[in-house]
PDB file of all heavy atoms in Angstrom:
ATOM      1  N   TYR A   1      69.493  64.898 112.945  1.00  0.00           N
ATOM      2  CA  TYR A   1      68.247  65.346 113.674  1.00  0.00           C
ATOM      3  C   TYR A   1      67.003  64.580 113.298  1.00  0.00           C
ATOM      4  O   TYR A   1      66.072  64.560 114.128  1.00  0.00           O
ATOM      5  CB  TYR A   1      68.002  66.858 113.545  1.00  0.00           C
ATOM      6  CG  TYR A   1      69.237  67.773 113.856  1.00  0.00           C
ATOM      7  CD1 TYR A   1      69.659  68.651 112.952  1.00  0.00           C
ATOM      8  CD2 TYR A   1      70.006  67.636 115.069  1.00  0.00           C
ATOM      9  CE1 TYR A   1      70.775  69.475 113.168  1.00  0.00           C
ATOM     10  CE2 TYR A   1      71.038  68.398 115.325  1.00  0.00           C
ATOM     11  CZ  TYR A   1      71.448  69.282 114.362  1.00  0.00           C
ATOM     12  OH  TYR A   1      72.606  70.019 114.672  1.00  0.00           O
ATOM     13  N   SER A   2      66.960  63.984 112.080  1.00  0.00           N
ATOM     14  CA  SER A   2      65.785  63.352 111.747  1.00  0.00           C
ATOM     15  C   SER A   2      66.065  61.832 111.965  1.00  0.00           C
ATOM     16  O   SER A   2      65.187  60.992 111.946  1.00  0.00           O
ATOM     17  CB  SER A   2      65.538  63.432 110.149  1.00  0.00           C
ATOM     18  OG  SER A   2      65.062  64.748 109.984  1.00  0.00           O
ATOM     19  N   ARG A   3      67.260  61.449 112.234  1.00  0.00           N
ATOM     20  CA  ARG A   3      67.637  59.976 112.493  1.00  0.00           C
ATOM     21  C   ARG A   3      67.166  59.595 113.877  1.00  0.00           C
ATOM     22  O   ARG A   3      67.283  60.376 114.833  1.00  0.00           O
ATOM     23  CB  ARG A   3      69.140  59.716 112.330  1.00  0.00           C
ATOM     24  CG  ARG A   3      69.529  59.980 110.786  1.00  0.00           C
ATOM     25  CD  ARG A   3      70.992  59.432 110.687  1.00  0.00           C
ATOM     26  NE  ARG A   3      71.444  59.560 109.251  1.00  0.00           N
ATOM     27  CZ  ARG A   3      72.444  58.902 108.795  1.00  0.00           C
ATOM     28  NH1 ARG A   3      73.061  57.932 109.497  1.00  0.00           N
ATOM     29  NH2 ARG A   3      72.832  59.109 107.521  1.00  0.00           N
ATOM     30  N   PHE A   4      66.849  58.327 113.975  1.00  0.00           N
ATOM     31  CA  PHE A   4      66.358  57.801 115.313  1.00  0.00           C
ATOM     32  C   PHE A   4      67.592  57.855 116.295  1.00  0.00           C
ATOM     33  O   PHE A   4      67.391  57.876 117.524  1.00  0.00           O
ATOM     34  CB  PHE A   4      65.844  56.436 115.214  1.00  0.00           C
ATOM     35  CG  PHE A   4      64.680  56.343 114.351  1.00  0.00           C
ATOM     36  CD1 PHE A   4      64.431  55.343 113.406  1.00  0.00           C
ATOM     37  CD2 PHE A   4      63.678  57.303 114.535  1.00  0.00           C
ATOM     38  CE1 PHE A   4      63.262  55.235 112.659  1.00  0.00           C
ATOM     39  CE2 PHE A   4      62.448  57.288 113.711  1.00  0.00           C
ATOM     40  CZ  PHE A   4      62.316  56.248 112.793  1.00  0.00           C
ATOM     41  N   THR A   5      68.805  57.743 115.823  1.00  0.00           N
ATOM     42  CA  THR A   5      70.032  57.732 116.696  1.00  0.00           C
ATOM     43  C   THR A   5      70.200  59.119 117.291  1.00  0.00           C
ATOM     44  O   THR A   5      70.957  59.217 118.352  1.00  0.00           O
ATOM     45  CB  THR A   5      71.299  57.344 115.933  1.00  0.00           C
ATOM     46  OG1 THR A   5      71.342  58.274 114.804  1.00  0.00           O
ATOM     47  CG2 THR A   5      71.205  55.911 115.510  1.00  0.00           C
ATOM     48  N   ASP A   6      69.448  60.119 116.789  1.00  0.00           N
ATOM     49  CA  ASP A   6      69.512  61.442 117.380  1.00  0.00           C
ATOM     50  C   ASP A   6      68.492  61.741 118.390  1.00  0.00           C
ATOM     51  O   ASP A   6      68.354  62.764 118.998  1.00  0.00           O
ATOM     52  CB  ASP A   6      69.492  62.437 116.265  1.00  0.00           C
ATOM     53  CG  ASP A   6      69.924  63.889 116.715  1.00  0.00           C
ATOM     54  OD1 ASP A   6      71.056  64.114 117.024  1.00  0.00           O
ATOM     55  OD2 ASP A   6      69.005  64.776 116.843  1.00  0.00           O
ATOM     56  N   PHE A   7      67.529  60.688 118.539  1.00  0.00           N
ATOM     57  CA  PHE A   7      66.505  60.889 119.461  1.00  0.00           C
ATOM     58  C   PHE A   7      66.930  60.589 120.929  1.00  0.00           C
ATOM     59  O   PHE A   7      67.231  59.443 121.247  1.00  0.00           O
ATOM     60  CB  PHE A   7      65.329  59.948 119.155  1.00  0.00           C
ATOM     61  CG  PHE A   7      64.522  60.322 117.968  1.00  0.00           C
ATOM     62  CD1 PHE A   7      64.971  61.215 116.963  1.00  0.00           C
ATOM     63  CD2 PHE A   7      63.193  59.800 117.817  1.00  0.00           C
ATOM     64  CE1 PHE A   7      64.187  61.609 115.926  1.00  0.00           C
ATOM     65  CE2 PHE A   7      62.381  60.213 116.644  1.00  0.00           C
ATOM     66  CZ  PHE A   7      62.936  61.083 115.673  1.00  0.00           C
ATOM     67  N   PRO A   8      66.985  61.562 121.756  1.00  0.00           N
ATOM     68  CA  PRO A   8      67.714  61.397 123.047  1.00  0.00           C
ATOM     69  C   PRO A   8      66.737  60.866 124.139  1.00  0.00           C
ATOM     70  O   PRO A   8      66.461  61.477 125.158  1.00  0.00           O
ATOM     71  CB  PRO A   8      68.139  62.817 123.423  1.00  0.00           C
ATOM     72  CG  PRO A   8      67.037  63.690 122.800  1.00  0.00           C
ATOM     73  CD  PRO A   8      66.680  63.000 121.533  1.00  0.00           C
ATOM     74  N   ILE A   9      66.159  59.716 123.904  1.00  0.00           N
ATOM     75  CA  ILE A   9      65.128  59.181 124.797  1.00  0.00           C
ATOM     76  C   ILE A   9      65.734  58.397 125.973  1.00  0.00           C
ATOM     77  O   ILE A   9      66.404  57.447 125.760  1.00  0.00           O
ATOM     78  CB  ILE A   9      64.098  58.248 123.986  1.00  0.00           C
ATOM     79  CG1 ILE A   9      63.397  58.981 122.917  1.00  0.00           C
ATOM     80  CG2 ILE A   9      63.096  57.646 124.875  1.00  0.00           C
ATOM     81  CD1 ILE A   9      62.637  58.124 122.086  1.00  0.00           C
ATOM     82  N   SER A  10      65.451  58.831 127.157  1.00  0.00           N
ATOM     83  CA  SER A  10      65.890  58.089 128.422  1.00  0.00           C
ATOM     84  C   SER A  10      65.022  58.760 129.499  1.00  0.00           C
ATOM     85  O   SER A  10      64.640  59.814 129.529  1.00  0.00           O
ATOM     86  CB  SER A  10      67.345  58.237 128.592  1.00  0.00           C
ATOM     87  OG  SER A  10      67.655  59.513 129.150  1.00  0.00           O
ATOM     88  N   LEU A  11      64.814  57.906 130.525  1.00  0.00           N
ATOM     89  CA  LEU A  11      64.005  58.365 131.746  1.00  0.00           C
ATOM     90  C   LEU A  11      64.707  59.552 132.431  1.00  0.00           C
ATOM     91  O   LEU A  11      64.082  60.399 132.843  1.00  0.00           O
ATOM     92  CB  LEU A  11      63.789  57.214 132.676  1.00  0.00           C
ATOM     93  CG  LEU A  11      62.748  56.165 132.206  1.00  0.00           C
ATOM     94  CD1 LEU A  11      62.711  54.986 133.267  1.00  0.00           C
ATOM     95  CD2 LEU A  11      61.403  56.679 131.956  1.00  0.00           C
ATOM     96  N   ARG A  12      66.069  59.376 132.445  1.00  0.00           N
ATOM     97  CA  ARG A  12      66.796  60.442 133.130  1.00  0.00           C
ATOM     98  C   ARG A  12      66.667  61.815 132.461  1.00  0.00           C
ATOM     99  O   ARG A  12      66.451  62.856 133.058  1.00  0.00           O
ATOM    100  CB  ARG A  12      68.271  60.128 133.290  1.00  0.00           C
ATOM    101  CG  ARG A  12      69.254  61.114 133.845  1.00  0.00           C
ATOM    102  CD  ARG A  12      70.644  60.724 133.824  1.00  0.00           C
ATOM    103  NE  ARG A  12      71.104  60.401 132.457  1.00  0.00           N
ATOM    104  CZ  ARG A  12      71.572  61.416 131.585  1.00  0.00           C
ATOM    105  NH1 ARG A  12      71.485  62.683 131.956  1.00  0.00           N
ATOM    106  NH2 ARG A  12      72.057  61.117 130.431  1.00  0.00           N
ATOM    107  N   ARG A  13      66.730  61.825 131.139  1.00  0.00           N
ATOM    108  CA  ARG A  13      66.663  63.046 130.363  1.00  0.00           C
ATOM    109  C   ARG A  13      65.196  63.517 130.351  1.00  0.00           C
ATOM    110  O   ARG A  13      65.042  64.814 130.424  1.00  0.00           O
ATOM    111  CB  ARG A  13      67.049  62.727 128.917  1.00  0.00           C
ATOM    112  CG  ARG A  13      68.588  62.572 128.783  1.00  0.00           C
ATOM    113  CD  ARG A  13      68.883  62.032 127.425  1.00  0.00           C
ATOM    114  NE  ARG A  13      70.409  62.043 127.242  1.00  0.00           N
ATOM    115  CZ  ARG A  13      70.960  61.447 126.131  1.00  0.00           C
ATOM    116  NH1 ARG A  13      70.180  60.791 125.209  1.00  0.00           N
ATOM    117  NH2 ARG A  13      72.273  61.476 126.043  1.00  0.00           N
ATOM    118  N   ILE A  14      64.257  62.648 130.327  1.00  0.00           N
ATOM    119  CA  ILE A  14      62.775  63.146 130.359  1.00  0.00           C
ATOM    120  C   ILE A  14      62.566  63.796 131.724  1.00  0.00           C
ATOM    121  O   ILE A  14      61.938  64.761 131.784  1.00  0.00           O
ATOM    122  CB  ILE A  14      61.844  61.925 130.152  1.00  0.00           C
ATOM    123  CG1 ILE A  14      62.009  61.460 128.635  1.00  0.00           C
ATOM    124  CG2 ILE A  14      60.421  62.294 130.562  1.00  0.00           C
ATOM    125  CD1 ILE A  14      61.193  60.178 128.406  1.00  0.00           C
ATOM    126  N   LYS A  15      63.024  63.161 132.846  1.00  0.00           N
ATOM    127  CA  LYS A  15      62.852  63.697 134.152  1.00  0.00           C
ATOM    128  C   LYS A  15      63.476  65.029 134.299  1.00  0.00           C
ATOM    129  O   LYS A  15      62.897  66.014 134.816  1.00  0.00           O
ATOM    130  CB  LYS A  15      63.411  62.729 135.129  1.00  0.00           C
ATOM    131  CG  LYS A  15      63.279  63.288 136.627  1.00  0.00           C
ATOM    132  CD  LYS A  15      63.802  62.315 137.595  1.00  0.00           C
ATOM    133  CE  LYS A  15      63.747  62.813 139.011  1.00  0.00           C
ATOM    134  NZ  LYS A  15      64.347  61.908 140.061  1.00  0.00           N
ATOM    135  N   ALA A  16      64.721  65.242 133.687  1.00  0.00           N
ATOM    136  CA  ALA A  16      65.388  66.422 133.717  1.00  0.00           C
ATOM    137  C   ALA A  16      64.642  67.552 132.901  1.00  0.00           C
ATOM    138  O   ALA A  16      64.607  68.727 133.445  1.00  0.00           O
ATOM    139  CB  ALA A  16      66.814  66.307 133.184  1.00  0.00           C
ATOM    140  N   LEU A  17      64.175  67.210 131.824  1.00  0.00           N
ATOM    141  CA  LEU A  17      63.340  68.065 131.014  1.00  0.00           C
ATOM    142  C   LEU A  17      62.092  68.591 131.710  1.00  0.00           C
ATOM    143  O   LEU A  17      61.759  69.797 131.717  1.00  0.00           O
ATOM    144  CB  LEU A  17      63.012  67.521 129.674  1.00  0.00           C
ATOM    145  CG  LEU A  17      62.226  68.350 128.706  1.00  0.00           C
ATOM    146  CD1 LEU A  17      63.065  69.526 128.214  1.00  0.00           C
ATOM    147  CD2 LEU A  17      61.752  67.562 127.441  1.00  0.00           C
ATOM    148  N   VAL A  18      61.435  67.643 132.362  1.00  0.00           N
ATOM    149  CA  VAL A  18      60.215  68.037 133.079  1.00  0.00           C
ATOM    150  C   VAL A  18      60.440  68.907 134.226  1.00  0.00           C
ATOM    151  O   VAL A  18      59.756  69.894 134.513  1.00  0.00           O
ATOM    152  CB  VAL A  18      59.544  66.763 133.607  1.00  0.00           C
ATOM    153  CG1 VAL A  18      58.355  67.125 134.502  1.00  0.00           C
ATOM    154  CG2 VAL A  18      58.932  65.946 132.369  1.00  0.00           C
ATOM    155  N   LEU A  19      61.607  68.752 134.951  1.00  0.00           N
ATOM    156  CA  LEU A  19      61.935  69.554 136.171  1.00  0.00           C
ATOM    157  C   LEU A  19      62.525  70.871 135.771  1.00  0.00           C
ATOM    158  O   LEU A  19      62.325  71.864 136.598  1.00  0.00           O
ATOM    159  CB  LEU A  19      62.894  68.713 136.974  1.00  0.00           C
ATOM    160  CG  LEU A  19      62.361  67.458 137.706  1.00  0.00           C
ATOM    161  CD1 LEU A  19      63.428  66.731 138.449  1.00  0.00           C
ATOM    162  CD2 LEU A  19      61.163  67.750 138.599  1.00  0.00           C
ATOM    163  N   ASN A  20      63.184  70.959 134.692  1.00  0.00           N
ATOM    164  CA  ASN A  20      63.858  72.228 134.367  1.00  0.00           C
ATOM    165  C   ASN A  20      63.716  72.385 132.809  1.00  0.00           C
ATOM    166  O   ASN A  20      64.783  72.280 132.112  1.00  0.00           O
ATOM    167  CB  ASN A  20      65.296  72.156 134.783  1.00  0.00           C
ATOM    168  CG  ASN A  20      65.960  73.543 134.617  1.00  0.00           C
ATOM    169  OD1 ASN A  20      65.389  74.572 134.353  1.00  0.00           O
ATOM    170  ND2 ASN A  20      67.311  73.601 134.687  1.00  0.00           N
ATOM    171  N   PRO A  21      62.549  72.608 132.326  1.00  0.00           N
ATOM    172  CA  PRO A  21      62.384  72.703 130.853  1.00  0.00           C
ATOM    173  C   PRO A  21      63.152  73.838 130.108  1.00  0.00           C
ATOM    174  O   PRO A  21      63.604  73.672 129.008  1.00  0.00           O
ATOM    175  CB  PRO A  21      60.833  72.899 130.706  1.00  0.00           C
ATOM    176  CG  PRO A  21      60.351  73.468 132.029  1.00  0.00           C
ATOM    177  CD  PRO A  21      61.287  72.791 133.020  1.00  0.00           C
ATOM    178  N   LYS A  22      63.260  74.985 130.721  1.00  0.00           N
ATOM    179  CA  LYS A  22      63.841  76.066 130.126  1.00  0.00           C
ATOM    180  C   LYS A  22      65.326  75.822 129.804  1.00  0.00           C
ATOM    181  O   LYS A  22      65.824  75.979 128.603  1.00  0.00           O
ATOM    182  CB  LYS A  22      63.850  77.355 130.971  1.00  0.00           C
ATOM    183  CG  LYS A  22      64.303  78.581 130.254  1.00  0.00           C
ATOM    184  CD  LYS A  22      64.098  79.825 131.088  1.00  0.00           C
ATOM    185  CE  LYS A  22      64.554  81.033 130.397  1.00  0.00           C
ATOM    186  NZ  LYS A  22      63.865  81.395 129.142  1.00  0.00           N
ATOM    187  N   GLU A  23      66.139  75.317 130.706  1.00  0.00           N
ATOM    188  CA  GLU A  23      67.512  75.022 130.544  1.00  0.00           C
ATOM    189  C   GLU A  23      67.729  73.688 129.753  1.00  0.00           C
ATOM    190  O   GLU A  23      68.691  73.691 128.808  1.00  0.00           O
ATOM    191  CB  GLU A  23      68.239  74.895 131.876  1.00  0.00           C
ATOM    192  CG  GLU A  23      68.227  76.162 132.603  1.00  0.00           C
ATOM    193  CD  GLU A  23      68.884  77.397 131.930  1.00  0.00           C
ATOM    194  OE1 GLU A  23      69.905  77.061 131.223  1.00  0.00           O
ATOM    195  OE2 GLU A  23      68.407  78.503 131.890  1.00  0.00           O
ATOM    196  N   GLU A  24      66.903  72.645 129.964  1.00  0.00           N
ATOM    197  CA  GLU A  24      67.153  71.359 129.397  1.00  0.00           C
ATOM    198  C   GLU A  24      66.877  71.488 127.853  1.00  0.00           C
ATOM    199  O   GLU A  24      67.517  70.839 127.022  1.00  0.00           O
ATOM    200  CB  GLU A  24      66.263  70.301 129.958  1.00  0.00           C
ATOM    201  CG  GLU A  24      66.796  69.885 131.344  1.00  0.00           C
ATOM    202  CD  GLU A  24      68.154  69.224 131.385  1.00  0.00           C
ATOM    203  OE1 GLU A  24      68.387  68.356 130.475  1.00  0.00           O
ATOM    204  OE2 GLU A  24      68.913  69.609 132.175  1.00  0.00           O
ATOM    205  N   GLU A  25      65.771  72.251 127.505  1.00  0.00           N
ATOM    206  CA  GLU A  25      65.410  72.340 126.048  1.00  0.00           C
ATOM    207  C   GLU A  25      66.557  72.794 125.214  1.00  0.00           C
ATOM    208  O   GLU A  25      66.760  72.433 124.067  1.00  0.00           O
ATOM    209  CB  GLU A  25      64.246  73.342 125.955  1.00  0.00           C
ATOM    210  CG  GLU A  25      63.768  73.659 124.507  1.00  0.00           C
ATOM    211  CD  GLU A  25      62.899  72.567 123.980  1.00  0.00           C
ATOM    212  OE1 GLU A  25      62.180  71.915 124.716  1.00  0.00           O
ATOM    213  OE2 GLU A  25      62.926  72.510 122.686  1.00  0.00           O
ATOM    214  N   ARG A  26      67.388  73.764 125.792  1.00  0.00           N
ATOM    215  CA  ARG A  26      68.451  74.363 125.005  1.00  0.00           C
ATOM    216  C   ARG A  26      69.614  73.353 124.705  1.00  0.00           C
ATOM    217  O   ARG A  26      70.489  73.653 123.929  1.00  0.00           O
ATOM    218  CB  ARG A  26      69.013  75.585 125.864  1.00  0.00           C
ATOM    219  CG  ARG A  26      68.021  76.633 126.004  1.00  0.00           C
ATOM    220  CD  ARG A  26      68.533  77.749 126.875  1.00  0.00           C
ATOM    221  NE  ARG A  26      67.572  78.851 127.119  1.00  0.00           N
ATOM    222  CZ  ARG A  26      67.757  79.845 127.912  1.00  0.00           C
ATOM    223  NH1 ARG A  26      68.865  79.872 128.623  1.00  0.00           N
ATOM    224  NH2 ARG A  26      66.835  80.825 127.956  1.00  0.00           N
ATOM    225  N   LYS A  27      69.592  72.209 125.416  1.00  0.00           N
ATOM    226  CA  LYS A  27      70.678  71.208 125.179  1.00  0.00           C
ATOM    227  C   LYS A  27      70.436  70.360 123.798  1.00  0.00           C
ATOM    228  O   LYS A  27      71.290  69.800 123.355  1.00  0.00           O
ATOM    229  CB  LYS A  27      70.690  70.186 126.239  1.00  0.00           C
ATOM    230  CG  LYS A  27      71.106  70.822 127.554  1.00  0.00           C
ATOM    231  CD  LYS A  27      71.210  69.707 128.651  1.00  0.00           C
ATOM    232  CE  LYS A  27      71.591  70.294 130.034  1.00  0.00           C
ATOM    233  NZ  LYS A  27      71.568  69.231 131.060  1.00  0.00           N
ATOM    234  N   TYR A  28      69.181  70.469 123.242  1.00  0.00           N
ATOM    235  CA  TYR A  28      68.857  69.598 122.184  1.00  0.00           C
ATOM    236  C   TYR A  28      68.509  70.421 120.888  1.00  0.00           C
ATOM    237  O   TYR A  28      67.523  71.304 120.826  1.00  0.00           O
ATOM    238  CB  TYR A  28      67.606  68.746 122.507  1.00  0.00           C
ATOM    239  CG  TYR A  28      67.897  68.015 123.759  1.00  0.00           C
ATOM    240  CD1 TYR A  28      67.348  68.425 124.902  1.00  0.00           C
ATOM    241  CD2 TYR A  28      68.697  66.832 123.770  1.00  0.00           C
ATOM    242  CE1 TYR A  28      67.525  67.644 126.145  1.00  0.00           C
ATOM    243  CE2 TYR A  28      68.900  66.107 125.010  1.00  0.00           C
ATOM    244  CZ  TYR A  28      68.333  66.496 126.042  1.00  0.00           C
ATOM    245  OH  TYR A  28      68.561  65.832 127.227  1.00  0.00           O
ATOM    246  N   THR A  29      69.376  70.251 119.897  1.00  0.00           N
ATOM    247  CA  THR A  29      69.183  71.018 118.556  1.00  0.00           C
ATOM    248  C   THR A  29      67.975  70.403 117.880  1.00  0.00           C
ATOM    249  O   THR A  29      67.125  71.062 117.319  1.00  0.00           O
ATOM    250  CB  THR A  29      70.383  70.916 117.714  1.00  0.00           C
ATOM    251  OG1 THR A  29      71.512  71.359 118.412  1.00  0.00           O
ATOM    252  CG2 THR A  29      70.244  71.785 116.508  1.00  0.00           C
ATOM    253  N   GLY A  30      67.767  69.063 117.870  1.00  0.00           N
ATOM    254  CA  GLY A  30      66.636  68.426 117.219  1.00  0.00           C
ATOM    255  C   GLY A  30      65.580  68.284 118.210  1.00  0.00           C
ATOM    256  O   GLY A  30      65.188  69.148 118.907  1.00  0.00           O
ATOM    257  N   HIS A  31      65.020  67.012 118.260  1.00  0.00           N
ATOM    258  CA  HIS A  31      63.958  66.756 119.274  1.00  0.00           C
ATOM    259  C   HIS A  31      64.516  66.648 120.695  1.00  0.00           C
ATOM    260  O   HIS A  31      65.666  66.141 120.937  1.00  0.00           O
ATOM    261  CB  HIS A  31      63.365  65.377 118.978  1.00  0.00           C
ATOM    262  CG  HIS A  31      62.610  65.294 117.653  1.00  0.00           C
ATOM    263  ND1 HIS A  31      61.525  66.042 117.408  1.00  0.00           N
ATOM    264  CD2 HIS A  31      62.809  64.540 116.497  1.00  0.00           C
ATOM    265  CE1 HIS A  31      61.034  65.806 116.148  1.00  0.00           C
ATOM    266  NE2 HIS A  31      61.844  64.857 115.636  1.00  0.00           N
ATOM    267  N   ASN A  32      63.761  67.215 121.623  1.00  0.00           N
ATOM    268  CA  ASN A  32      64.051  67.058 122.975  1.00  0.00           C
ATOM    269  C   ASN A  32      63.587  65.666 123.379  1.00  0.00           C
ATOM    270  O   ASN A  32      62.786  64.927 122.572  1.00  0.00           O
ATOM    271  CB  ASN A  32      63.434  68.092 123.891  1.00  0.00           C
ATOM    272  CG  ASN A  32      61.906  68.103 124.033  1.00  0.00           C
ATOM    273  OD1 ASN A  32      61.249  67.065 124.154  1.00  0.00           O
ATOM    274  ND2 ASN A  32      61.343  69.247 123.829  1.00  0.00           N
ATOM    275  N   PRO A  33      63.948  65.094 124.555  1.00  0.00           N
ATOM    276  CA  PRO A  33      63.482  63.642 124.899  1.00  0.00           C
ATOM    277  C   PRO A  33      61.990  63.296 124.798  1.00  0.00           C
ATOM    278  O   PRO A  33      61.650  62.297 124.324  1.00  0.00           O
ATOM    279  CB  PRO A  33      63.964  63.522 126.351  1.00  0.00           C
ATOM    280  CG  PRO A  33      65.099  64.480 126.437  1.00  0.00           C
ATOM    281  CD  PRO A  33      64.730  65.631 125.571  1.00  0.00           C
TER     282      PRO A  33
END
């Protein structure tokens, strides 16, 4: 969770998080996108 390889950064994931924050947030134990 502190490693950069655990950082789920992508435009698709960011867009999904913005559109549906409640459900998408629950997918990420560490940082969200």
